[in-house]
């Protein structure tokens, strides 16, 4: 149907669209139709002047607006009829009893012009098929031969005035093409108002959908996570932190054992370096230093020695039960066993780790 000329409605220029759709081309413009309307107005004025320019009827006629056109773009049936006379075409009222008595089958006609409440549109035969070329439609509407009579009868019932176009219409490409082929219409065209409303509803639905997506999944260019995923990431990070703490504690135990066994400084340093590379925290680096362990152990032993000397002034040492803390109060080079020294160093280091973890939790 692309070859069929079809002007869609603009303003109130339905008379122009009706004529151009009938003739299948841009034959008339508003300026040309306005000129025809002015000619008709002048002819009417001259007829009224014949009865006397001073008569009441003439003065009343001059005060009335034109009946052939208005500012909205409406043109009368007289304008349309005079425009068609240029092409040798004539209009006959299809609704008239005189024409109905002729009993002519509408299928045998070539075209009709329909009018209702100042709206004009064309129904024309192109090739061997009929089409409704109403400018209020989004495109030509195919009308079957069996439906044509019912369609015209429905228009009459709705109050339309129907005019039969008599004469030879100008040749057009659509008529020549449809003489050879027949077309099928799968989807009927909509009214322009319905198409506009549907398009607006679709845009509104799309806008509402975009807003809903924006609310449920906001995106500000920073890759922001929603609440559930953010909580999951927090739990995962906490789990990794706990695992790292356990690994650090195990590394600390191994470091203490290496230190107490008298391993070389470079071997212990390598173990500490490996521990640091596997851990996500570097805050325990100082506690893993063998030099720091020996320094803290020495300070611990000296403190215990001072406490032991003070207690000897108040009580007899042999009367008290022997405890691990008393054993640690001995001279580190005396009767204190290597196992007790290892246990004391481990307790001291673990206490340092706990203090560090408590500090981190408070932060």
Protein backbone atom coordinates (compact mmCIF):
# COMPACT_ATOMS: atom_id res chain seq x y z
CA UNK A 1 0.00 0.00 0.00
CA UNK A 2 3.03 2.26 -0.12
CA UNK A 3 2.08 3.39 -3.63
CA UNK A 4 -1.28 4.74 -2.42
CA UNK A 5 -1.23 8.49 -1.75
CA UNK A 6 -2.67 9.27 1.68
CA UNK A 7 -2.57 12.67 3.37
CA UNK A 8 -2.99 12.55 7.12
CA UNK A 9 -4.97 15.14 9.02
CA UNK A 10 -3.36 18.51 9.76
CA UNK A 11 -5.44 21.07 11.60
CA UNK A 12 -8.91 21.33 10.01
CA UNK A 13 -7.75 20.95 6.41
CA UNK A 14 -9.83 17.81 5.86
CA UNK A 15 -11.32 19.24 2.62
CA UNK A 16 -7.82 19.61 1.16
CA UNK A 17 -6.88 16.07 2.28
CA UNK A 18 -10.13 14.71 0.87
CA UNK A 19 -9.48 16.20 -2.60
CA UNK A 20 -5.81 15.18 -2.74
CA UNK A 21 -6.56 11.63 -1.57
CA UNK A 22 -9.29 11.41 -4.20
CA UNK A 23 -7.01 12.64 -7.00
CA UNK A 24 -3.98 10.76 -5.55
CA UNK A 25 -1.56 13.66 -5.41
CA UNK A 26 -0.86 17.13 -4.02
CA UNK A 27 -3.28 18.86 -6.36
CA UNK A 28 -4.66 21.49 -4.01
CA UNK A 29 -3.23 23.64 -1.24
CA UNK A 30 -5.05 25.79 1.34
CA UNK A 31 -4.15 28.91 -0.66
CA UNK A 32 -5.78 27.59 -3.82
CA UNK A 33 -8.91 26.48 -1.99
CA UNK A 34 -9.08 29.85 -0.24
CA UNK A 35 -8.99 31.57 -3.62
CA UNK A 36 -11.92 29.44 -4.82
CA UNK A 37 -13.83 30.27 -1.62
CA UNK A 38 -13.24 34.01 -2.10
CA UNK A 39 -14.52 33.76 -5.67
CA UNK A 40 -17.67 32.09 -4.37
CA UNK A 41 -18.09 34.76 -1.70
CA UNK A 42 -17.77 37.51 -4.34
CA UNK A 43 -20.34 35.83 -6.58
CA UNK A 44 -22.77 35.63 -3.67
CA UNK A 45 -22.14 39.28 -2.77
CA UNK A 46 -22.88 40.38 -6.33
CA UNK A 47 -26.16 38.43 -6.34
CA UNK A 48 -27.16 40.01 -3.04
CA UNK A 49 -26.27 43.46 -4.40
CA UNK A 50 -28.78 43.00 -7.22
CA UNK A 51 -31.56 43.51 -4.69
CA UNK A 52 -30.07 46.85 -3.68
CA UNK A 53 -26.87 47.66 -1.83
CA UNK A 54 -28.85 49.72 0.69
CA UNK A 55 -31.20 46.87 1.52
CA UNK A 56 -31.25 45.29 4.95
CA UNK A 57 -30.50 41.87 3.48
CA UNK A 58 -27.35 43.10 1.78
CA UNK A 59 -26.04 44.86 4.91
CA UNK A 60 -26.70 41.72 6.95
CA UNK A 61 -24.88 39.58 4.37
CA UNK A 62 -21.80 41.81 4.54
CA UNK A 63 -21.67 41.50 8.35
CA UNK A 64 -21.83 37.69 8.32
CA UNK A 65 -18.66 35.61 8.01
CA UNK A 66 -17.96 33.61 4.89
CA UNK A 67 -19.98 30.45 4.51
CA UNK A 68 -17.40 28.88 2.22
CA UNK A 69 -14.38 28.87 4.53
CA UNK A 70 -13.23 29.86 8.00
CA UNK A 71 -9.95 30.50 9.82
CA UNK A 72 -9.69 26.88 10.99
CA UNK A 73 -9.31 25.60 7.41
CA UNK A 74 -12.84 24.38 6.77
CA UNK A 75 -14.17 24.60 3.21
CA UNK A 76 -17.76 24.13 2.05
CA UNK A 77 -19.18 21.61 -0.41
CA UNK A 78 -19.36 24.43 -2.95
CA UNK A 79 -15.57 24.90 -2.73
CA UNK A 80 -14.97 21.17 -3.17
CA UNK A 81 -17.41 20.98 -6.06
CA UNK A 82 -15.83 23.94 -7.87
CA UNK A 83 -12.35 22.50 -7.28
CA UNK A 84 -13.39 19.22 -8.94
CA UNK A 85 -14.91 21.02 -11.92
CA UNK A 86 -11.36 21.95 -12.93
CA UNK A 87 -10.83 18.22 -13.62
CA UNK A 88 -14.19 17.68 -15.24
CA UNK A 89 -15.63 15.91 -12.19
CA UNK A 90 -19.15 16.29 -10.79
CA UNK A 91 -20.71 15.49 -7.42
CA UNK A 92 -24.12 13.80 -7.04
CA UNK A 93 -25.78 13.28 -3.69
CA UNK A 94 -25.82 9.54 -3.05
CA UNK A 95 -28.42 9.89 -0.30
CA UNK A 96 -30.96 11.57 -2.58
CA UNK A 97 -34.10 9.61 -3.53
CA UNK A 98 -33.47 10.39 -7.22
CA UNK A 99 -30.13 8.60 -7.22
CA UNK A 100 -31.37 5.73 -5.07
CA UNK A 101 -34.15 5.08 -7.62
CA UNK A 102 -31.48 4.47 -10.26
CA UNK A 103 -30.50 1.34 -8.36
CA UNK A 104 -26.81 1.64 -9.20
CA UNK A 105 -24.62 -0.83 -7.32
CA UNK A 106 -21.95 1.11 -5.35
CA UNK A 107 -19.33 -1.37 -6.58
CA UNK A 108 -19.82 -0.02 -10.10
CA UNK A 109 -18.94 3.51 -9.03
CA UNK A 110 -15.36 4.83 -8.81
CA UNK A 111 -15.32 7.00 -5.72
CA UNK A 112 -17.35 8.69 -3.00
CA UNK A 113 -16.88 11.82 -0.89
CA UNK A 114 -18.36 11.68 2.61
CA UNK A 115 -19.11 14.54 5.01
CA UNK A 116 -20.24 14.69 8.64
CA UNK A 117 -20.03 17.72 10.94
CA UNK A 118 -17.58 19.59 8.69
CA UNK A 119 -15.28 16.57 8.21
CA UNK A 120 -14.58 15.35 4.68
CA UNK A 121 -13.00 12.11 3.51
CA UNK A 122 -12.75 9.98 0.37
CA UNK A 123 -13.61 6.37 -0.41
CA UNK A 124 -12.05 5.37 -3.73
CA UNK A 125 -11.56 2.34 -5.94
CA UNK A 126 -7.92 1.73 -6.90
CA UNK A 127 -7.38 -1.09 -9.35
CA UNK A 128 -10.02 -3.66 -8.40
CA UNK A 129 -10.20 -2.88 -4.69
CA UNK A 130 -11.85 -0.24 -2.52
CA UNK A 131 -10.04 1.84 0.08
CA UNK A 132 -11.14 4.19 2.84
CA UNK A 133 -8.76 7.17 2.52
CA UNK A 134 -9.96 9.03 5.62
CA UNK A 135 -7.27 11.51 6.67
CA UNK A 136 -8.01 10.69 10.33
CA UNK A 137 -6.61 7.18 9.79
CA UNK A 138 -2.94 6.35 9.99
CA UNK A 139 -3.10 4.81 6.52
CA UNK A 140 -5.47 3.49 3.78
CA UNK A 141 -8.08 0.99 4.97
CA UNK A 142 -8.97 -1.88 2.63
CA UNK A 143 -12.72 -2.38 2.11
CA UNK A 144 -13.99 -5.58 0.53
CA UNK A 145 -16.63 -5.51 -2.22
CA UNK A 146 -19.14 -7.28 0.02
CA UNK A 147 -18.56 -4.81 2.84
CA UNK A 148 -18.72 -1.62 0.71
CA UNK A 149 -22.54 -1.40 0.64
CA UNK A 150 -22.74 -2.08 4.36
CA UNK A 151 -20.05 0.55 5.02
CA UNK A 152 -21.94 3.23 3.09
CA UNK A 153 -25.22 2.25 4.76
CA UNK A 154 -23.57 2.57 8.17
CA UNK A 155 -22.32 6.06 7.29
CA UNK A 156 -25.84 7.09 6.23
CA UNK A 157 -27.25 5.79 9.50
CA UNK A 158 -24.67 7.84 11.41
CA UNK A 159 -25.76 11.02 9.62
CA UNK A 160 -23.14 11.32 6.88
CA UNK A 161 -23.83 13.02 3.58
CA UNK A 162 -22.40 10.91 0.75
CA UNK A 163 -21.58 12.23 -2.72
CA UNK A 164 -20.84 10.12 -5.79
CA UNK A 165 -17.93 11.43 -7.89
CA UNK A 166 -18.83 11.27 -11.58
CA UNK A 167 -16.24 11.62 -14.34
CA UNK A 168 -12.80 10.33 -15.24
CA UNK A 169 -10.30 10.64 -12.45
CA UNK A 170 -6.66 11.49 -13.29
CA UNK A 171 -4.36 8.52 -13.85
CA UNK A 172 -2.26 7.52 -10.85
CA UNK A 173 0.46 5.00 -10.09
CA UNK A 174 -1.55 3.19 -7.40
CA UNK A 175 -4.47 2.54 -9.77
CA UNK A 176 -2.17 1.15 -12.47
CA UNK A 177 -0.30 -1.08 -10.06
CA UNK A 178 -3.42 -2.46 -8.35
CA UNK A 179 -4.91 -3.33 -11.73
CA UNK A 180 -2.28 -6.08 -11.88
CA UNK A 181 -2.10 -7.24 -8.27
CA UNK A 182 -4.40 -7.44 -5.29
CA UNK A 183 -3.31 -6.48 -1.80
CA UNK A 184 -4.15 -7.97 1.56
CA UNK A 185 -4.31 -6.03 4.81
CA UNK A 186 -3.37 -7.97 7.93
CA UNK A 187 -3.83 -5.13 10.40
CA UNK A 188 -6.39 -2.37 10.05
CA UNK A 189 -5.07 1.20 10.46
CA UNK A 190 -5.87 3.04 13.68
CA UNK A 191 -7.25 6.51 14.15
CA UNK A 192 -4.50 9.10 14.56
CA UNK A 193 -5.77 9.92 18.07
CA UNK A 194 -5.59 6.25 19.07
CA UNK A 195 -2.04 5.93 17.71
CA UNK A 196 -0.95 9.05 19.63
CA UNK A 197 -2.58 7.83 22.85
CA UNK A 198 -1.04 4.37 22.45
CA UNK A 199 2.40 5.87 21.80
CA UNK A 200 2.02 8.09 24.87
CA UNK A 201 0.95 5.13 27.02
CA UNK A 202 3.93 3.11 25.81
CA UNK A 203 6.32 5.95 26.65
CA UNK A 204 4.67 6.33 30.07
CA UNK A 205 4.92 2.59 30.77
CA UNK A 206 8.57 2.59 29.72
CA UNK A 207 9.25 5.61 31.92
CA UNK A 208 7.56 3.93 34.91
CA UNK A 209 9.52 0.74 34.26
CA UNK A 210 12.80 2.65 34.10
CA UNK A 211 11.97 4.40 37.37
CA UNK A 212 11.13 1.08 39.04
CA UNK A 213 14.42 -0.41 37.87
CA UNK A 214 16.24 2.71 39.06
CA UNK A 215 14.65 2.40 42.54
CA UNK A 216 15.30 -1.34 42.91
CA UNK A 217 18.76 -1.30 41.33
CA UNK A 218 20.21 2.19 41.65
CA UNK A 219 23.30 2.93 39.61
CA UNK A 220 25.41 6.01 40.25
CA UNK A 221 28.49 5.01 38.27
CA UNK A 222 30.31 3.61 41.32
CA UNK A 223 29.03 0.04 41.17
CA UNK A 224 26.96 0.41 44.34
CA UNK A 225 25.67 -2.88 45.75
CA UNK A 226 22.19 -3.47 47.08
CA UNK A 227 21.63 -4.16 50.79
CA UNK A 228 21.66 -7.98 50.63
CA UNK A 229 24.82 -8.17 48.56
CA UNK A 230 26.52 -5.55 50.75
CA UNK A 231 25.73 -7.60 53.88
CA UNK A 232 27.08 -10.70 52.18
CA UNK A 233 30.33 -8.91 51.35
CA UNK A 234 30.66 -7.76 54.96
CA UNK A 235 30.15 -11.32 56.26
CA UNK A 236 32.68 -12.65 53.78
CA UNK A 237 35.26 -10.05 54.81
CA UNK A 238 34.69 -10.87 58.51
CA UNK A 239 35.13 -14.57 57.83
CA UNK A 240 38.38 -13.93 55.97
CA UNK A 241 39.61 -11.76 58.87
CA UNK A 242 38.92 -14.54 61.40
CA UNK A 243 40.77 -17.05 59.23
CA UNK A 244 43.71 -14.66 58.97
CA UNK A 245 43.80 -14.30 62.77
CA UNK A 246 43.88 -18.06 63.21
CA UNK A 247 46.70 -18.33 60.69
CA UNK A 248 48.64 -15.60 62.48
CA UNK A 249 48.27 -17.37 65.82
CA UNK A 250 49.51 -20.65 64.33
CA UNK A 251 52.44 -18.84 62.72
CA UNK A 252 53.27 -17.25 66.06
CA UNK A 253 53.38 -20.64 67.77
CA UNK A 254 55.72 -22.01 65.13
CA UNK A 255 57.93 -18.92 65.40
CA UNK A 256 58.25 -19.33 69.17
CA UNK A 257 59.21 -22.98 68.82
CA UNK A 258 61.88 -22.13 66.27
CA UNK A 259 63.25 -19.45 68.55
CA UNK A 260 63.40 -21.73 71.61
CA UNK A 261 65.11 -24.49 69.63
CA UNK A 262 67.99 -22.15 68.87
CA UNK A 263 67.49 -21.91 65.09
CA UNK A 264 69.62 -19.46 63.22
CA UNK A 265 68.44 -15.91 62.86
CA UNK A 266 68.13 -16.10 59.07
CA UNK A 267 65.97 -19.27 59.21
CA UNK A 268 63.56 -17.74 61.68
CA UNK A 269 63.41 -14.51 59.69
CA UNK A 270 62.48 -16.50 56.57
CA UNK A 271 59.64 -18.17 58.48
CA UNK A 272 58.41 -14.81 59.66
CA UNK A 273 58.56 -13.42 56.11
CA UNK A 274 56.48 -16.32 54.83
CA UNK A 275 53.97 -15.75 57.59
CA UNK A 276 53.68 -12.07 56.74
CA UNK A 277 53.14 -12.78 53.04
CA UNK A 278 50.25 -15.15 53.85
CA UNK A 279 48.54 -12.74 56.25
CA UNK A 280 46.41 -9.72 55.39
CA UNK A 281 47.51 -7.86 58.53
CA UNK A 282 51.01 -6.51 59.21
CA UNK A 283 50.38 -5.30 62.73
CA UNK A 284 51.98 -8.41 64.34
CA UNK A 285 55.32 -8.10 62.54
CA UNK A 286 57.08 -6.75 65.61
CA UNK A 287 55.69 -9.55 67.85
CA UNK A 288 57.13 -12.18 65.49
CA UNK A 289 60.69 -10.81 65.81
CA UNK A 290 62.99 -13.20 67.65
CA UNK A 291 64.87 -10.26 69.16
CA UNK A 292 61.61 -8.85 70.52
CA UNK A 293 60.67 -12.26 71.96
CA UNK A 294 63.98 -12.58 73.80
CA UNK A 295 63.70 -9.02 75.07
CA UNK A 296 60.20 -9.56 76.44
CA UNK A 297 61.12 -12.93 77.92
CA UNK A 298 64.12 -11.44 79.71
CA UNK A 299 61.99 -8.60 81.10
CA UNK A 300 59.41 -11.12 82.28
CA UNK A 301 62.03 -13.22 84.08
CA UNK A 302 63.55 -10.16 85.78
CA UNK A 303 60.14 -9.05 87.00
CA UNK A 304 59.44 -12.50 88.42
CA UNK A 305 62.84 -12.51 90.12
CA UNK A 306 62.07 -9.21 91.85
CA UNK A 307 58.71 -10.47 93.04
CA UNK A 308 60.32 -13.65 94.36
CA UNK A 309 62.92 -11.72 96.35
CA UNK A 310 60.20 -9.62 97.96
CA UNK A 311 58.20 -12.70 98.91
CA UNK A 312 61.24 -14.33 100.59
CA UNK A 313 61.17 -11.62 103.27
CA UNK A 314 57.62 -12.48 104.34
CA UNK A 315 57.33 -16.22 104.04
CA UNK A 316 59.30 -19.37 103.74
CA UNK A 317 59.68 -20.39 100.11
CA UNK A 318 59.70 -24.16 100.87
CA UNK A 319 56.37 -23.99 102.75
CA UNK A 320 54.43 -22.77 99.67
CA UNK A 321 53.16 -25.14 96.94
CA UNK A 322 55.21 -24.98 93.80
CA UNK A 323 53.36 -23.39 90.83
CA UNK A 324 54.29 -22.72 87.29
CA UNK A 325 54.61 -19.01 88.04
CA UNK A 326 57.03 -19.75 90.90
CA UNK A 327 59.02 -21.95 88.66
CA UNK A 328 59.24 -19.13 86.17
CA UNK A 329 60.63 -16.92 88.95
CA UNK A 330 63.85 -18.91 89.02
CA UNK A 331 66.91 -17.68 87.33
CA UNK A 332 66.59 -18.34 83.63
CA UNK A 333 70.03 -19.85 83.69
CA UNK A 334 69.29 -22.04 86.79
CA UNK A 335 66.85 -24.87 87.47
CA UNK A 336 64.08 -23.60 85.06
CA UNK A 337 63.52 -26.22 82.42
CA UNK A 338 63.44 -25.46 78.72
CA UNK A 339 59.80 -26.63 78.56
CA UNK A 340 58.78 -24.12 81.25
CA UNK A 341 60.58 -21.35 79.40
CA UNK A 342 58.78 -22.31 76.17
CA UNK A 343 55.42 -22.31 77.95
CA UNK A 344 56.08 -18.92 79.52
CA UNK A 345 57.10 -17.41 76.20
CA UNK A 346 54.01 -18.83 74.48
CA UNK A 347 51.71 -17.48 77.19
CA UNK A 348 53.31 -14.08 76.94
CA UNK A 349 53.05 -13.99 73.14
CA UNK A 350 49.44 -15.21 73.11
CA UNK A 351 48.57 -12.56 75.65
CA UNK A 352 50.09 -9.96 73.32
CA UNK A 353 47.98 -11.32 70.43
CA UNK A 354 44.80 -11.16 72.51
CA UNK A 355 45.52 -7.59 73.53
CA UNK A 356 46.09 -6.69 69.89
CA UNK A 357 42.80 -8.31 68.82
CA UNK A 358 40.87 -6.54 71.59
CA UNK A 359 42.35 -3.24 70.46
CA UNK A 360 41.33 -3.92 66.84
CA UNK A 361 37.78 -4.81 67.90
CA UNK A 362 37.45 -1.56 69.86
CA UNK A 363 38.50 0.35 66.75
